[in-house]
């Protein structure tokens, strides 16, 4: 299993450390095979996209735009995010 990135400077961490309902911006996909990265990109999960964590158990559920994705823990642990800019 991949090690999740614990919260770091400027709020950089993996999806695994987001709170339910928290918004974040995708920084990059770490340790993801190119075919998996391409599959996630099809659903809009790319650097710069905004995500919202809807659920943590039994799987991580992210909203990306109008798309809702259920992800395994290993995938959630590989998506590096930072706090989303305040829309105000």
Protein backbone atom coordinates (compact mmCIF):
# COMPACT_ATOMS: atom_id res chain seq x y z
CA UNK A 1 0.00 0.00 0.00
CA UNK A 2 1.22 3.51 -0.76
CA UNK A 3 2.08 5.87 2.05
CA UNK A 4 -0.24 8.85 2.18
CA UNK A 5 1.30 12.29 2.29
CA UNK A 6 0.60 13.81 5.69
CA UNK A 7 -0.45 17.45 5.76
CA UNK A 8 2.53 19.60 4.88
CA UNK A 9 3.35 23.21 4.14
CA UNK A 10 0.62 25.27 2.54
CA UNK A 11 -1.92 22.52 3.18
CA UNK A 12 -0.42 20.06 0.68
CA UNK A 13 -1.59 16.50 1.44
CA UNK A 14 -3.35 13.56 -0.19
CA UNK A 15 -7.08 13.04 -0.58
CA UNK A 16 -6.82 10.55 2.25
CA UNK A 17 -6.32 13.46 4.69
CA UNK A 18 -9.26 15.57 3.50
CA UNK A 19 -12.24 16.02 5.80
CA UNK A 20 -15.69 15.09 4.52
CA UNK A 21 -17.07 18.07 2.58
CA UNK A 22 -13.65 19.70 2.20
CA UNK A 23 -12.70 21.27 -1.15
CA UNK A 24 -9.20 20.97 -2.54
CA UNK A 25 -7.24 21.55 -5.74
CA UNK A 26 -5.38 18.64 -7.33
CA UNK A 27 -1.61 19.28 -7.41
CA UNK A 28 -0.50 16.00 -9.02
CA UNK A 29 -0.99 12.25 -9.05
CA UNK A 30 1.91 10.54 -7.29
CA UNK A 31 2.90 6.93 -7.95
CA UNK A 32 0.10 6.39 -10.46
CA UNK A 33 0.66 4.26 -13.56
CA UNK A 34 0.09 6.16 -16.79
CA UNK A 35 -2.94 4.04 -17.73
CA UNK A 36 -4.59 4.80 -14.37
CA UNK A 37 -3.65 8.48 -14.68
CA UNK A 38 -5.25 8.58 -18.13
CA UNK A 39 -8.39 6.87 -16.80
CA UNK A 40 -8.70 9.45 -14.00
CA UNK A 41 -8.10 12.30 -16.47
CA UNK A 42 -11.08 11.14 -18.53
CA UNK A 43 -13.23 11.93 -15.48
CA UNK A 44 -11.64 15.36 -14.99
CA UNK A 45 -9.24 14.38 -12.20
CA UNK A 46 -6.19 16.33 -13.41
CA UNK A 47 -3.83 18.87 -11.85
CA UNK A 48 -5.69 22.13 -11.28
CA UNK A 49 -9.13 20.57 -10.95
CA UNK A 50 -11.16 21.15 -7.81
CA UNK A 51 -12.46 18.17 -5.86
CA UNK A 52 -14.80 17.74 -2.90
CA UNK A 53 -14.54 14.72 -0.62
CA UNK A 54 -18.08 13.39 -0.18
CA UNK A 55 -17.36 10.17 1.70
CA UNK A 56 -14.44 8.25 3.27
CA UNK A 57 -15.91 4.81 4.01
CA UNK A 58 -16.29 2.19 2.65
CA UNK A 59 -14.43 3.93 -0.19
CA UNK A 60 -13.32 7.48 -0.89
CA UNK A 61 -15.92 9.32 -2.95
CA UNK A 62 -14.88 12.50 -4.73
CA UNK A 63 -16.89 15.00 -6.69
CA UNK A 64 -14.98 16.43 -9.64
CA UNK A 65 -17.17 18.98 -11.40
CA UNK A 66 -20.39 17.13 -12.19
CA UNK A 67 -18.74 13.71 -11.86
CA UNK A 68 -18.73 11.55 -8.71
CA UNK A 69 -15.95 8.96 -8.40
CA UNK A 70 -15.49 6.12 -5.88
CA UNK A 71 -11.80 5.41 -5.29
CA UNK A 72 -9.78 2.73 -3.54
CA UNK A 73 -7.64 3.88 -0.61
CA UNK A 74 -4.44 3.35 -2.63
CA UNK A 75 -5.69 5.72 -5.33
CA UNK A 76 -6.89 8.31 -2.79
CA UNK A 77 -3.45 8.12 -1.18
CA UNK A 78 -1.79 8.98 -4.48
CA UNK A 79 -3.81 12.13 -5.29
CA UNK A 80 -1.88 15.11 -3.90
CA UNK A 81 -4.02 18.18 -3.21
CA UNK A 82 -3.86 21.57 -1.51
CA UNK A 83 -6.56 23.70 0.04
CA UNK A 84 -8.78 25.20 -2.64
CA UNK A 85 -8.71 28.94 -3.09
CA UNK A 86 -11.62 30.67 -1.43
CA UNK A 87 -14.16 31.53 -4.17
CA UNK A 88 -14.97 34.91 -2.55
